[in-house]
Amino acid sequence: MKNITILSLLLSLGSTCFAGEREASGTVELSAISGELIITISGSNSGCGNRYYITPDSNDAYKQAMTSMLLSAQLAGKKVWVNGEGNCNTTYPYSNAYKLANMYLYTN
């Protein structure tokens, strides 16, 4: 029983640390490559770099909203916070990027 408790604690600590590596904040630079929208953040994170990607989808309102917010942030020079999900994708065109999961647009 004691070994299971220790293993559960280690797994929860590991997942907590790993989740923090998927976050970044800074200004936005967008590019479109091979049907993917690549988001580069001026700040960096320690896990995969400072890149995220999203596949545009006209039927997904959440992706449409994030894309609009990212475009607005780039045009206005505003800072954003983003986080990704899944594994770091190292293949072309991602070049060390996480799939974009959530974002926040700073207003100040």
PDB file of N, CA and C in Angstrom:
ATOM      1  N   MET A   1       0.822  -1.194   0.000  1.00  0.00           N
ATOM      2  CA  MET A   1       0.000   0.000   0.000  1.00  0.00           C
ATOM      3  C   MET A   1       0.865   1.255   0.000  1.00  0.00           C
ATOM      4  N   LYS A   2       1.952   1.226   0.782  1.00  0.00           N
ATOM      5  CA  LYS A   2       2.837   2.373   0.876  1.00  0.00           C
ATOM      6  C   LYS A   2       3.494   2.668  -0.471  1.00  0.00           C
ATOM      7  N   ASN A   3       3.870   1.614  -1.210  1.00  0.00           N
ATOM      8  CA  ASN A   3       4.499   1.797  -2.523  1.00  0.00           C
ATOM      9  C   ASN A   3       3.538   2.432  -3.520  1.00  0.00           C
ATOM     10  N   ILE A   4       2.279   2.070  -3.454  1.00  0.00           N
ATOM     11  CA  ILE A   4       1.272   2.648  -4.357  1.00  0.00           C
ATOM     12  C   ILE A   4       1.094   4.126  -4.056  1.00  0.00           C
ATOM     13  N   THR A   5       1.080   4.497  -2.792  1.00  0.00           N
ATOM     14  CA  THR A   5       0.936   5.903  -2.408  1.00  0.00           C
ATOM     15  C   THR A   5       2.118   6.728  -2.904  1.00  0.00           C
ATOM     16  N   ILE A   6       3.321   6.213  -2.747  1.00  0.00           N
ATOM     17  CA  ILE A   6       4.522   6.914  -3.208  1.00  0.00           C
ATOM     18  C   ILE A   6       4.509   7.043  -4.723  1.00  0.00           C
ATOM     19  N   LEU A   7       4.144   5.976  -5.435  1.00  0.00           N
ATOM     20  CA  LEU A   7       4.081   6.013  -6.893  1.00  0.00           C
ATOM     21  C   LEU A   7       3.051   7.039  -7.360  1.00  0.00           C
ATOM     22  N   SER A   8       1.885   7.090  -6.703  1.00  0.00           N
ATOM     23  CA  SER A   8       0.853   8.071  -7.064  1.00  0.00           C
ATOM     24  C   SER A   8       1.355   9.496  -6.868  1.00  0.00           C
ATOM     25  N   LEU A   9       2.077   9.727  -5.776  1.00  0.00           N
ATOM     26  CA  LEU A   9       2.628  11.047  -5.504  1.00  0.00           C
ATOM     27  C   LEU A   9       3.646  11.447  -6.567  1.00  0.00           C
ATOM     28  N   LEU A  10       4.528  10.530  -6.932  1.00  0.00           N
ATOM     29  CA  LEU A  10       5.538  10.827  -7.954  1.00  0.00           C
ATOM     30  C   LEU A  10       4.905  11.100  -9.307  1.00  0.00           C
ATOM     31  N   LEU A  11       3.893  10.333  -9.663  1.00  0.00           N
ATOM     32  CA  LEU A  11       3.214  10.563 -10.939  1.00  0.00           C
ATOM     33  C   LEU A  11       2.514  11.907 -10.963  1.00  0.00           C
ATOM     34  N   SER A  12       1.871  12.289  -9.866  1.00  0.00           N
ATOM     35  CA  SER A  12       1.183  13.582  -9.836  1.00  0.00           C
ATOM     36  C   SER A  12       2.176  14.729  -9.883  1.00  0.00           C
ATOM     37  N   LEU A  13       3.304  14.611  -9.220  1.00  0.00           N
ATOM     38  CA  LEU A  13       4.330  15.657  -9.274  1.00  0.00           C
ATOM     39  C   LEU A  13       4.911  15.762 -10.677  1.00  0.00           C
ATOM     40  N   GLY A  14       5.146  14.635 -11.311  1.00  0.00           N
ATOM     41  CA  GLY A  14       5.695  14.640 -12.669  1.00  0.00           C
ATOM     42  C   GLY A  14       4.758  15.287 -13.656  1.00  0.00           C
ATOM     43  N   SER A  15       3.472  14.987 -13.558  1.00  0.00           N
ATOM     44  CA  SER A  15       2.520  15.586 -14.495  1.00  0.00           C
ATOM     45  C   SER A  15       2.356  17.072 -14.242  1.00  0.00           C
ATOM     46  N   THR A  16       2.466  17.504 -12.996  1.00  0.00           N
ATOM     47  CA  THR A  16       2.379  18.924 -12.677  1.00  0.00           C
ATOM     48  C   THR A  16       3.556  19.673 -13.272  1.00  0.00           C
ATOM     49  N   CYS A  17       4.746  19.149 -13.129  1.00  0.00           N
ATOM     50  CA  CYS A  17       5.935  19.798 -13.690  1.00  0.00           C
ATOM     51  C   CYS A  17       5.851  19.845 -15.201  1.00  0.00           C
ATOM     52  N   PHE A  18       5.403  18.744 -15.807  1.00  0.00           N
ATOM     53  CA  PHE A  18       5.346  18.668 -17.258  1.00  0.00           C
ATOM     54  C   PHE A  18       4.341  19.665 -17.818  1.00  0.00           C
ATOM     55  N   ALA A  19       3.207  19.844 -17.146  1.00  0.00           N
ATOM     56  CA  ALA A  19       2.183  20.773 -17.628  1.00  0.00           C
ATOM     57  C   ALA A  19       2.710  22.192 -17.672  1.00  0.00           C
ATOM     58  N   GLY A  20       3.540  22.592 -16.701  1.00  0.00           N
ATOM     59  CA  GLY A  20       4.101  23.933 -16.683  1.00  0.00           C
ATOM     60  C   GLY A  20       5.023  24.205 -17.844  1.00  0.00           C
ATOM     61  N   GLU A  21       5.639  23.175 -18.369  1.00  0.00           N
ATOM     62  CA  GLU A  21       6.539  23.338 -19.506  1.00  0.00           C
ATOM     63  C   GLU A  21       5.785  23.649 -20.793  1.00  0.00           C
ATOM     64  N   ARG A  22       4.504  23.431 -20.813  1.00  0.00           N
ATOM     65  CA  ARG A  22       3.702  23.664 -22.017  1.00  0.00           C
ATOM     66  C   ARG A  22       3.126  25.069 -22.073  1.00  0.00           C
ATOM     67  N   GLU A  23       3.501  25.932 -21.155  1.00  0.00           N
ATOM     68  CA  GLU A  23       2.954  27.282 -21.085  1.00  0.00           C
ATOM     69  C   GLU A  23       3.978  28.311 -21.529  1.00  0.00           C
ATOM     70  N   ALA A  24       3.487  29.402 -22.094  1.00  0.00           N
ATOM     71  CA  ALA A  24       4.351  30.524 -22.453  1.00  0.00           C
ATOM     72  C   ALA A  24       3.508  31.784 -22.493  1.00  0.00           C
ATOM     73  N   SER A  25       4.156  32.921 -22.331  1.00  0.00           N
ATOM     74  CA  SER A  25       3.468  34.189 -22.506  1.00  0.00           C
ATOM     75  C   SER A  25       4.424  35.161 -23.176  1.00  0.00           C
ATOM     76  N   GLY A  26       3.847  36.048 -23.945  1.00  0.00           N
ATOM     77  CA  GLY A  26       4.619  37.033 -24.680  1.00  0.00           C
ATOM     78  C   GLY A  26       3.816  37.533 -25.864  1.00  0.00           C
ATOM     79  N   THR A  27       4.471  38.255 -26.741  1.00  0.00           N
ATOM     80  CA  THR A  27       3.790  38.743 -27.935  1.00  0.00           C
ATOM     81  C   THR A  27       3.765  37.630 -28.988  1.00  0.00           C
ATOM     82  N   VAL A  28       2.883  37.797 -29.954  1.00  0.00           N
ATOM     83  CA  VAL A  28       2.561  36.741 -30.914  1.00  0.00           C
ATOM     84  C   VAL A  28       3.125  37.047 -32.292  1.00  0.00           C
ATOM     85  N   GLU A  29       3.619  36.011 -32.955  1.00  0.00           N
ATOM     86  CA  GLU A  29       3.945  36.079 -34.377  1.00  0.00           C
ATOM     87  C   GLU A  29       3.325  34.849 -35.029  1.00  0.00           C
ATOM     88  N   LEU A  30       2.460  35.070 -36.015  1.00  0.00           N
ATOM     89  CA  LEU A  30       1.749  33.983 -36.670  1.00  0.00           C
ATOM     90  C   LEU A  30       2.316  33.705 -38.050  1.00  0.00           C
ATOM     91  N   SER A  31       2.281  32.443 -38.441  1.00  0.00           N
ATOM     92  CA  SER A  31       2.616  32.056 -39.804  1.00  0.00           C
ATOM     93  C   SER A  31       1.751  30.867 -40.180  1.00  0.00           C
ATOM     94  N   ALA A  32       1.511  30.703 -41.461  1.00  0.00           N
ATOM     95  CA  ALA A  32       0.727  29.571 -41.952  1.00  0.00           C
ATOM     96  C   ALA A  32       1.632  28.706 -42.810  1.00  0.00           C
ATOM     97  N   ILE A  33       1.730  27.438 -42.434  1.00  0.00           N
ATOM     98  CA  ILE A  33       2.617  26.511 -43.148  1.00  0.00           C
ATOM     99  C   ILE A  33       1.888  25.178 -43.299  1.00  0.00           C
ATOM    100  N   SER A  34       1.787  24.691 -44.517  1.00  0.00           N
ATOM    101  CA  SER A  34       1.210  23.370 -44.803  1.00  0.00           C
ATOM    102  C   SER A  34      -0.147  23.150 -44.143  1.00  0.00           C
ATOM    103  N   GLY A  35      -1.007  24.151 -44.190  1.00  0.00           N
ATOM    104  CA  GLY A  35      -2.349  24.031 -43.638  1.00  0.00           C
ATOM    105  C   GLY A  35      -2.442  24.190 -42.139  1.00  0.00           C
ATOM    106  N   GLU A  36      -1.346  24.529 -41.473  1.00  0.00           N
ATOM    107  CA  GLU A  36      -1.339  24.725 -40.025  1.00  0.00           C
ATOM    108  C   GLU A  36      -1.032  26.183 -39.724  1.00  0.00           C
ATOM    109  N   LEU A  37      -1.640  26.701 -38.676  1.00  0.00           N
ATOM    110  CA  LEU A  37      -1.308  28.031 -38.175  1.00  0.00           C
ATOM    111  C   LEU A  37      -0.276  27.828 -37.081  1.00  0.00           C
ATOM    112  N   ILE A  38       0.926  28.367 -37.276  1.00  0.00           N
ATOM    113  CA  ILE A  38       2.022  28.226 -36.329  1.00  0.00           C
ATOM    114  C   ILE A  38       2.109  29.517 -35.524  1.00  0.00           C
ATOM    115  N   ILE A  39       2.094  29.375 -34.197  1.00  0.00           N
ATOM    116  CA  ILE A  39       2.126  30.510 -33.288  1.00  0.00           C
ATOM    117  C   ILE A  39       3.474  30.529 -32.589  1.00  0.00           C
ATOM    118  N   THR A  40       4.212  31.613 -32.759  1.00  0.00           N
ATOM    119  CA  THR A  40       5.482  31.777 -32.067  1.00  0.00           C
ATOM    120  C   THR A  40       5.301  32.863 -31.024  1.00  0.00           C
ATOM    121  N   ILE A  41       5.677  32.545 -29.784  1.00  0.00           N
ATOM    122  CA  ILE A  41       5.528  33.464 -28.663  1.00  0.00           C
ATOM    123  C   ILE A  41       6.894  34.026 -28.314  1.00  0.00           C
ATOM    124  N   SER A  42       6.963  35.344 -28.072  1.00  0.00           N
ATOM    125  CA  SER A  42       8.254  35.985 -27.799  1.00  0.00           C
ATOM    126  C   SER A  42       8.904  35.465 -26.529  1.00  0.00           C
ATOM    127  N   GLY A  43       8.115  35.109 -25.516  1.00  0.00           N
ATOM    128  CA  GLY A  43       8.669  34.477 -24.323  1.00  0.00           C
ATOM    129  C   GLY A  43       8.982  33.029 -24.654  1.00  0.00           C
ATOM    130  N   SER A  44       9.680  32.353 -23.792  1.00  0.00           N
ATOM    131  CA  SER A  44       9.960  30.954 -24.069  1.00  0.00           C
ATOM    132  C   SER A  44       9.530  30.096 -22.905  1.00  0.00           C
ATOM    133  N   ASN A  45       9.348  28.828 -23.173  1.00  0.00           N
ATOM    134  CA  ASN A  45       9.114  27.876 -22.101  1.00  0.00           C
ATOM    135  C   ASN A  45      10.248  26.871 -22.131  1.00  0.00           C
ATOM    136  N   SER A  46      10.382  26.103 -21.090  1.00  0.00           N
ATOM    137  CA  SER A  46      11.549  25.239 -20.976  1.00  0.00           C
ATOM    138  C   SER A  46      11.371  23.884 -21.636  1.00  0.00           C
ATOM    139  N   GLY A  47      10.155  23.539 -22.036  1.00  0.00           N
ATOM    140  CA  GLY A  47       9.930  22.195 -22.546  1.00  0.00           C
ATOM    141  C   GLY A  47      10.202  22.032 -24.019  1.00  0.00           C
ATOM    142  N   CYS A  48       9.437  22.675 -24.832  1.00  0.00           N
ATOM    143  CA  CYS A  48       9.453  22.411 -26.259  1.00  0.00           C
ATOM    144  C   CYS A  48       9.873  23.638 -27.057  1.00  0.00           C
ATOM    145  N   GLY A  49      10.026  24.729 -26.427  1.00  0.00           N
ATOM    146  CA  GLY A  49      10.323  25.955 -27.156  1.00  0.00           C
ATOM    147  C   GLY A  49       9.202  26.944 -26.982  1.00  0.00           C
ATOM    148  N   ASN A  50       9.024  27.780 -27.956  1.00  0.00           N
ATOM    149  CA  ASN A  50       8.009  28.829 -27.845  1.00  0.00           C
ATOM    150  C   ASN A  50       7.025  28.768 -29.007  1.00  0.00           C
ATOM    151  N   ARG A  51       6.797  27.564 -29.520  1.00  0.00           N
ATOM    152  CA  ARG A  51       5.918  27.401 -30.675  1.00  0.00           C
ATOM    153  C   ARG A  51       4.712  26.529 -30.339  1.00  0.00           C
ATOM    154  N   TYR A  52       3.594  26.902 -30.945  1.00  0.00           N
ATOM    155  CA  TYR A  52       2.342  26.183 -30.787  1.00  0.00           C
ATOM    156  C   TYR A  52       1.694  26.115 -32.158  1.00  0.00           C
ATOM    157  N   TYR A  53       0.771  25.194 -32.354  1.00  0.00           N
ATOM    158  CA  TYR A  53       0.081  25.117 -33.644  1.00  0.00           C
ATOM    159  C   TYR A  53      -1.395  24.840 -33.430  1.00  0.00           C
ATOM    160  N   ILE A  54      -2.156  25.255 -34.421  1.00  0.00           N
ATOM    161  CA  ILE A  54      -3.589  24.989 -34.443  1.00  0.00           C
ATOM    162  C   ILE A  54      -3.965  24.738 -35.898  1.00  0.00           C
ATOM    163  N   THR A  55      -4.832  23.759 -36.101  1.00  0.00           N
ATOM    164  CA  THR A  55      -5.334  23.466 -37.437  1.00  0.00           C
ATOM    165  C   THR A  55      -6.630  24.240 -37.618  1.00  0.00           C
ATOM    166  N   PRO A  56      -6.649  25.215 -38.533  1.00  0.00           N
ATOM    167  CA  PRO A  56      -7.886  25.983 -38.741  1.00  0.00           C
ATOM    168  C   PRO A  56      -9.046  25.060 -39.125  1.00  0.00           C
ATOM    169  N   ASP A  57     -10.199  25.319 -38.557  1.00  0.00           N
ATOM    170  CA  ASP A  57     -11.382  24.508 -38.816  1.00  0.00           C
ATOM    171  C   ASP A  57     -12.600  25.426 -38.799  1.00  0.00           C
ATOM    172  N   SER A  58     -13.234  25.569 -39.949  1.00  0.00           N
ATOM    173  CA  SER A  58     -14.367  26.495 -40.040  1.00  0.00           C
ATOM    174  C   SER A  58     -15.594  26.001 -39.277  1.00  0.00           C
ATOM    175  N   ASN A  59     -15.610  24.746 -38.856  1.00  0.00           N
ATOM    176  CA  ASN A  59     -16.744  24.207 -38.118  1.00  0.00           C
ATOM    177  C   ASN A  59     -16.523  24.184 -36.600  1.00  0.00           C
ATOM    178  N   ASP A  60     -15.383  24.667 -36.150  1.00  0.00           N
ATOM    179  CA  ASP A  60     -15.056  24.635 -34.722  1.00  0.00           C
ATOM    180  C   ASP A  60     -14.992  26.063 -34.186  1.00  0.00           C
ATOM    181  N   ALA A  61     -16.023  26.462 -33.465  1.00  0.00           N
ATOM    182  CA  ALA A  61     -16.121  27.842 -32.966  1.00  0.00           C
ATOM    183  C   ALA A  61     -14.982  28.184 -32.005  1.00  0.00           C
ATOM    184  N   TYR A  62     -14.526  27.222 -31.213  1.00  0.00           N
ATOM    185  CA  TYR A  62     -13.445  27.470 -30.263  1.00  0.00           C
ATOM    186  C   TYR A  62     -12.153  27.805 -31.001  1.00  0.00           C
ATOM    187  N   LYS A  63     -11.840  27.037 -32.035  1.00  0.00           N
ATOM    188  CA  LYS A  63     -10.635  27.312 -32.834  1.00  0.00           C
ATOM    189  C   LYS A  63     -10.757  28.647 -33.559  1.00  0.00           C
ATOM    190  N   GLN A  64     -11.941  28.962 -34.047  1.00  0.00           N
ATOM    191  CA  GLN A  64     -12.163  30.249 -34.704  1.00  0.00           C
ATOM    192  C   GLN A  64     -11.933  31.400 -33.735  1.00  0.00           C
ATOM    193  N   ALA A  65     -12.423  31.262 -32.521  1.00  0.00           N
ATOM    194  CA  ALA A  65     -12.260  32.319 -31.519  1.00  0.00           C
ATOM    195  C   ALA A  65     -10.787  32.496 -31.160  1.00  0.00           C
ATOM    196  N   MET A  66     -10.065  31.384 -30.953  1.00  0.00           N
ATOM    197  CA  MET A  66      -8.634  31.490 -30.622  1.00  0.00           C
ATOM    198  C   MET A  66      -7.856  32.116 -31.774  1.00  0.00           C
ATOM    199  N   THR A  67      -8.180  31.740 -33.001  1.00  0.00           N
ATOM    200  CA  THR A  67      -7.497  32.310 -34.165  1.00  0.00           C
ATOM    201  C   THR A  67      -7.742  33.813 -34.241  1.00  0.00           C
ATOM    202  N   SER A  68      -8.976  34.253 -34.023  1.00  0.00           N
ATOM    203  CA  SER A  68      -9.294  35.683 -34.034  1.00  0.00           C
ATOM    204  C   SER A  68      -8.544  36.435 -32.943  1.00  0.00           C
ATOM    205  N   MET A  69      -8.496  35.835 -31.747  1.00  0.00           N
ATOM    206  CA  MET A  69      -7.781  36.475 -30.640  1.00  0.00           C
ATOM    207  C   MET A  69      -6.284  36.578 -30.941  1.00  0.00           C
ATOM    208  N   LEU A  70      -5.720  35.534 -31.534  1.00  0.00           N
ATOM    209  CA  LEU A  70      -4.295  35.556 -31.875  1.00  0.00           C
ATOM    210  C   LEU A  70      -3.992  36.619 -32.934  1.00  0.00           C
ATOM    211  N   LEU A  71      -4.844  36.700 -33.954  1.00  0.00           N
ATOM    212  CA  LEU A  71      -4.653  37.727 -34.985  1.00  0.00           C
ATOM    213  C   LEU A  71      -4.761  39.126 -34.388  1.00  0.00           C
ATOM    214  N   SER A  72      -5.745  39.338 -33.521  1.00  0.00           N
ATOM    215  CA  SER A  72      -5.909  40.633 -32.863  1.00  0.00           C
ATOM    216  C   SER A  72      -4.694  40.975 -32.014  1.00  0.00           C
ATOM    217  N   ALA A  73      -4.196  39.990 -31.284  1.00  0.00           N
ATOM    218  CA  ALA A  73      -3.026  40.209 -30.424  1.00  0.00           C
ATOM    219  C   ALA A  73      -1.801  40.575 -31.255  1.00  0.00           C
ATOM    220  N   GLN A  74      -1.621  39.891 -32.379  1.00  0.00           N
ATOM    221  CA  GLN A  74      -0.465  40.206 -33.228  1.00  0.00           C
ATOM    222  C   GLN A  74      -0.572  41.619 -33.781  1.00  0.00           C
ATOM    223  N   LEU A  75      -1.743  41.985 -34.293  1.00  0.00           N
ATOM    224  CA  LEU A  75      -1.926  43.313 -34.881  1.00  0.00           C
ATOM    225  C   LEU A  75      -1.782  44.431 -33.860  1.00  0.00           C
ATOM    226  N   ALA A  76      -2.243  44.184 -32.629  1.00  0.00           N
ATOM    227  CA  ALA A  76      -2.193  45.211 -31.588  1.00  0.00           C
ATOM    228  C   ALA A  76      -0.904  45.167 -30.773  1.00  0.00           C
ATOM    229  N   GLY A  77      -0.077  44.154 -30.996  1.00  0.00           N
ATOM    230  CA  GLY A  77       1.151  44.019 -30.216  1.00  0.00           C
ATOM    231  C   GLY A  77       0.891  43.658 -28.764  1.00  0.00           C
ATOM    232  N   LYS A  78      -0.240  43.001 -28.512  1.00  0.00           N
ATOM    233  CA  LYS A  78      -0.622  42.625 -27.141  1.00  0.00           C
ATOM    234  C   LYS A  78       0.037  41.317 -26.727  1.00  0.00           C
ATOM    235  N   LYS A  79       0.171  41.165 -25.428  1.00  0.00           N
ATOM    236  CA  LYS A  79       0.748  39.965 -24.850  1.00  0.00           C
ATOM    237  C   LYS A  79      -0.346  38.923 -24.631  1.00  0.00           C
ATOM    238  N   VAL A  80       0.000  37.655 -24.840  1.00  0.00           N
ATOM    239  CA  VAL A  80      -0.920  36.554 -24.594  1.00  0.00           C
ATOM    240  C   VAL A  80      -0.260  35.520 -23.684  1.00  0.00           C
ATOM    241  N   TRP A  81      -1.076  34.705 -23.052  1.00  0.00           N
ATOM    242  CA  TRP A  81      -0.630  33.507 -22.361  1.00  0.00           C
ATOM    243  C   TRP A  81      -1.241  32.347 -23.110  1.00  0.00           C
ATOM    244  N   VAL A  82      -0.458  31.329 -23.398  1.00  0.00           N
ATOM    245  CA  VAL A  82      -0.955  30.138 -24.088  1.00  0.00           C
ATOM    246  C   VAL A  82      -0.461  28.895 -23.370  1.00  0.00           C
ATOM    247  N   ASN A  83      -1.190  27.805 -23.570  1.00  0.00           N
ATOM    248  CA  ASN A  83      -0.665  26.521 -23.149  1.00  0.00           C
ATOM    249  C   ASN A  83      -1.044  25.474 -24.176  1.00  0.00           C
ATOM    250  N   GLY A  84      -0.237  24.442 -24.215  1.00  0.00           N
ATOM    251  CA  GLY A  84      -0.427  23.396 -25.201  1.00  0.00           C
ATOM    252  C   GLY A  84      -0.789  22.079 -24.573  1.00  0.00           C
ATOM    253  N   GLU A  85      -1.090  21.127 -25.444  1.00  0.00           N
ATOM    254  CA  GLU A  85      -1.441  19.789 -24.991  1.00  0.00           C
ATOM    255  C   GLU A  85      -0.709  18.764 -25.839  1.00  0.00           C
ATOM    256  N   GLY A  86      -0.655  17.550 -25.348  1.00  0.00           N
ATOM    257  CA  GLY A  86      -0.026  16.466 -26.084  1.00  0.00           C
ATOM    258  C   GLY A  86       1.488  16.505 -25.981  1.00  0.00           C
ATOM    259  N   ASN A  87       2.102  15.811 -26.899  1.00  0.00           N
ATOM    260  CA  ASN A  87       3.563  15.746 -26.933  1.00  0.00           C
ATOM    261  C   ASN A  87       4.129  16.836 -27.829  1.00  0.00           C
ATOM    262  N   CYS A  88       5.359  17.179 -27.591  1.00  0.00           N
ATOM    263  CA  CYS A  88       6.063  18.145 -28.430  1.00  0.00           C
ATOM    264  C   CYS A  88       6.222  17.550 -29.823  1.00  0.00           C
ATOM    265  N   ASN A  89       5.701  18.221 -30.829  1.00  0.00           N
ATOM    266  CA  ASN A  89       5.782  17.736 -32.202  1.00  0.00           C
ATOM    267  C   ASN A  89       7.038  18.308 -32.851  1.00  0.00           C
ATOM    268  N   THR A  90       7.980  17.458 -33.177  1.00  0.00           N
ATOM    269  CA  THR A  90       9.265  17.915 -33.706  1.00  0.00           C
ATOM    270  C   THR A  90       9.353  17.835 -35.224  1.00  0.00           C
ATOM    271  N   THR A  91       8.336  17.306 -35.880  1.00  0.00           N
ATOM    272  CA  THR A  91       8.386  17.149 -37.333  1.00  0.00           C
ATOM    273  C   THR A  91       8.013  18.450 -38.042  1.00  0.00           C
ATOM    274  N   TYR A  92       8.296  18.519 -39.347  1.00  0.00           N
ATOM    275  CA  TYR A  92       7.921  19.668 -40.166  1.00  0.00           C
ATOM    276  C   TYR A  92       6.412  19.690 -40.309  1.00  0.00           C
ATOM    277  N   PRO A  93       5.750  20.790 -40.252  1.00  0.00           N
ATOM    278  CA  PRO A  93       6.210  22.170 -40.120  1.00  0.00           C
ATOM    279  C   PRO A  93       6.237  22.667 -38.680  1.00  0.00           C
ATOM    280  N   TYR A  94       6.048  21.777 -37.732  1.00  0.00           N
ATOM    281  CA  TYR A  94       5.876  22.187 -36.336  1.00  0.00           C
ATOM    282  C   TYR A  94       7.168  22.651 -35.677  1.00  0.00           C
ATOM    283  N   SER A  95       8.258  21.968 -35.939  1.00  0.00           N
ATOM    284  CA  SER A  95       9.570  22.362 -35.399  1.00  0.00           C
ATOM    285  C   SER A  95       9.528  22.659 -33.911  1.00  0.00           C
ATOM    286  N   ASN A  96       9.201  21.654 -33.129  1.00  0.00           N
ATOM    287  CA  ASN A  96       9.130  21.766 -31.668  1.00  0.00           C
ATOM    288  C   ASN A  96       7.954  22.624 -31.212  1.00  0.00           C
ATOM    289  N   ALA A  97       6.749  22.154 -31.465  1.00  0.00           N
ATOM    290  CA  ALA A  97       5.546  22.891 -31.094  1.00  0.00           C
ATOM    291  C   ALA A  97       4.548  21.967 -30.403  1.00  0.00           C
ATOM    292  N   TYR A  98       3.802  22.554 -29.486  1.00  0.00           N
ATOM    293  CA  TYR A  98       2.683  21.862 -28.861  1.00  0.00           C
ATOM    294  C   TYR A  98       1.401  22.264 -29.574  1.00  0.00           C
ATOM    295  N   LYS A  99       0.409  21.393 -29.544  1.00  0.00           N
ATOM    296  CA  LYS A  99      -0.912  21.736 -30.060  1.00  0.00           C
ATOM    297  C   LYS A  99      -1.528  22.749 -29.102  1.00  0.00           C
ATOM    298  N   LEU A 100      -1.986  23.872 -29.632  1.00  0.00           N
ATOM    299  CA  LEU A 100      -2.577  24.928 -28.812  1.00  0.00           C
ATOM    300  C   LEU A 100      -3.859  24.435 -28.168  1.00  0.00           C
ATOM    301  N   ALA A 101      -3.969  24.584 -26.851  1.00  0.00           N
ATOM    302  CA  ALA A 101      -5.143  24.135 -26.128  1.00  0.00           C
ATOM    303  C   ALA A 101      -5.963  25.302 -25.591  1.00  0.00           C
ATOM    304  N   ASN A 102      -5.281  26.281 -24.977  1.00  0.00           N
ATOM    305  CA  ASN A 102      -5.964  27.409 -24.332  1.00  0.00           C
ATOM    306  C   ASN A 102      -5.124  28.673 -24.507  1.00  0.00           C
ATOM    307  N   MET A 103      -5.790  29.788 -24.370  1.00  0.00           N
ATOM    308  CA  MET A 103      -5.061  31.054 -24.430  1.00  0.00           C
ATOM    309  C   MET A 103      -5.805  32.134 -23.664  1.00  0.00           C
ATOM    310  N   TYR A 104      -5.068  33.171 -23.342  1.00  0.00           N
ATOM    311  CA  TYR A 104      -5.625  34.336 -22.672  1.00  0.00           C
ATOM    312  C   TYR A 104      -4.995  35.558 -23.308  1.00  0.00           C
ATOM    313  N   LEU A 105      -5.800  36.543 -23.673  1.00  0.00           N
ATOM    314  CA  LEU A 105      -5.331  37.786 -24.266  1.00  0.00           C
ATOM    315  C   LEU A 105      -5.313  38.852 -23.187  1.00  0.00           C
ATOM    316  N   TYR A 106      -4.110  39.340 -22.869  1.00  0.00           N
ATOM    317  CA  TYR A 106      -3.984  40.414 -21.875  1.00  0.00           C
ATOM    318  C   TYR A 106      -4.515  41.716 -22.474  1.00  0.00           C
ATOM    319  N   THR A 107      -5.265  42.468 -21.709  1.00  0.00           N
ATOM    320  CA  THR A 107      -5.841  43.717 -22.228  1.00  0.00           C
ATOM    321  C   THR A 107      -4.973  44.920 -21.953  1.00  0.00           C
ATOM    322  N   ASN A 108      -4.049  44.837 -21.034  1.00  0.00           N
ATOM    323  CA  ASN A 108      -3.165  45.966 -20.721  1.00  0.00           C
ATOM    324  C   ASN A 108      -1.789  45.735 -21.262  1.00  0.00           C
TER     325      ASN A 108
END
